Amino acid sequence: MNETPSVIGMMSVTMSSGGSFDTAVREIAKNGPKNISELFGRIVMDADCKAISDIRTSVNDMVSSFPKALSPFKRAMQIVITAFDSTDPKERNDMMKDAEAIVLEGLKNMGETYSSGLNTPCMMIFGLGIMLPMIIISMLPMLSIGGMFSVSSIDSRTVTLIVLGIIPLVVGSLILSIRSRNPFYKAQFNTSDLRYLAPMIIAVPAYILLGMNGISDDLAISVAFIVSGLVTFATIYPSIVKEKERAKTEEALKDTLFELGNRLSMGDNFETAVKKALGSRTECEEICCKLERELTLCRGDIESAVFMTLSPVSVEIAGHYCDICKASRRDVRNAGKLAVSIAHQVQDQNTVRKGIENKLKSTMDMMTGTSAIFAPVILGMSLVMLGPISDITGHVFFDGIGKILTIYLIELAALISLMSSNLMCKGKAVDVMARFSLMMPVALIVFLVFSSISL
């Protein structure tokens, strides 16, 4: 379902450029989104091997067998098949717009269903990740005053196992469960990104050095990881800026499709129109210069020049510009209409996806604030309360509990960083590391401040 707007958009482009339904299916099988291209690829292979006589009938039979969750795509494809049979251009365009509206609404409903189902697992993470450690630290010694529990029955090893082992394991399982149900998540793990974790090694010698100078374990761990986390974030920050610039340029390229369409509709050839359209946007000035160089060297292969220039920014957008270039060879003004049509499709998809991201963002912000601020405050104050409680009970309740909580906050920051990245559908390891390297020092600083308060 996540791929359906792109598929319907590609079919609309093929129709606008004068292609047949079979051509549209073959294009998706070759260059379409992963899952649907595999399904269409099997049909194309069967057609080429003469195992089936008609691609149209096979596609219709396939979508008719789709499960209920894909009913918007099923209805949209049936409209598309009918649209290709129509001889009235206006009717065909109206039907394709209806098909696009159906899959976009289906995508929107899927996102709303997913976001509404996050309340329970997020509250479980909140309860287990923050409230349970606080109860273990604060409530049991308070109850022991009345003799309801025996403090001696719970030793430091048990608390360490629960806080550093069982709780993170359960929270991690919940986060993986949330990710597995995220229909928009795309795993993009790259082992080369792990090099950004190298500065974290600083924490080991820093901890040893601080310990040799008589610094307590909890303070030594906090300072060591605060420093290593900030150094790690400083190392990753240039790549974050680079990605923001890429995303900004991608948005500008999408907007430029409208101007490209207008210039083509006025009769400019593609080469002139694309250079003027890109040159009119500040964000695309560098891209425009690169394209001019490639057009000079391409020996007439304009499509390859366009793809080589734009694909580092976005392969999808580069493909759209190449489609418009192909259409301009047949009719420049029709290519202009195609560019405007593609621009509207991209804009509609962005609007739906942005709306879904905004709904998920509130959940992400809540979990990030919980991990970076609320949890350290609660656990820090709980640690402070142990002083007077220990004086009343006459017990030194869990020597080294500060060290355990410090390590736990590091684990919690890592888990919530993973969850936040999953919610925002960013599967890159560098994104998780950037969130962790910033969130973890903030959490430790807050914990140090509140745990140092004297009652």
Foldseek 3Di string as FASTA:
>chain_A
DVQLLVLLLQLVLCVLLPHAPVVSLVCCLVDGDDPSVVVSVVLVVCCVVVVDPDSLVVVLVVLVPDDPLCVLSNVLSVLQSVLRVDPDPVSSVVSSVVSSVSVLVSVLVLLVVLLVVVVVLLVVLLCLQFVVLLCVLFVPLVVVLVPPDDLVVDALVNNLCSLVPVSLVVNLVSLVVSLVSDPLADADEDPVLCVLLVLLVQLVVQLVVCVVVPDDNLVSNLVSLLVSLVVSLVVLVVVVVVLVLLVVLVVLLLVLLLQLLVVLLVPDQNVVSVLVSQCVDPSSVVLSVQLVVLVVVVVPPSLVSLQVSCVVSPNVSSVLSSSLNVSSVVPSNSSSVSSNSSSVSVVSSVVSLVVSLVSLVVSLVVLLCCLQAVRLLSVLQSLQVQVVSCVSVVHNRNPCVSNSVLVSSLSSQLSSLSSSCSSNSNNYPSSSSSSSSVRSSSSSVNNVVSNPDHD
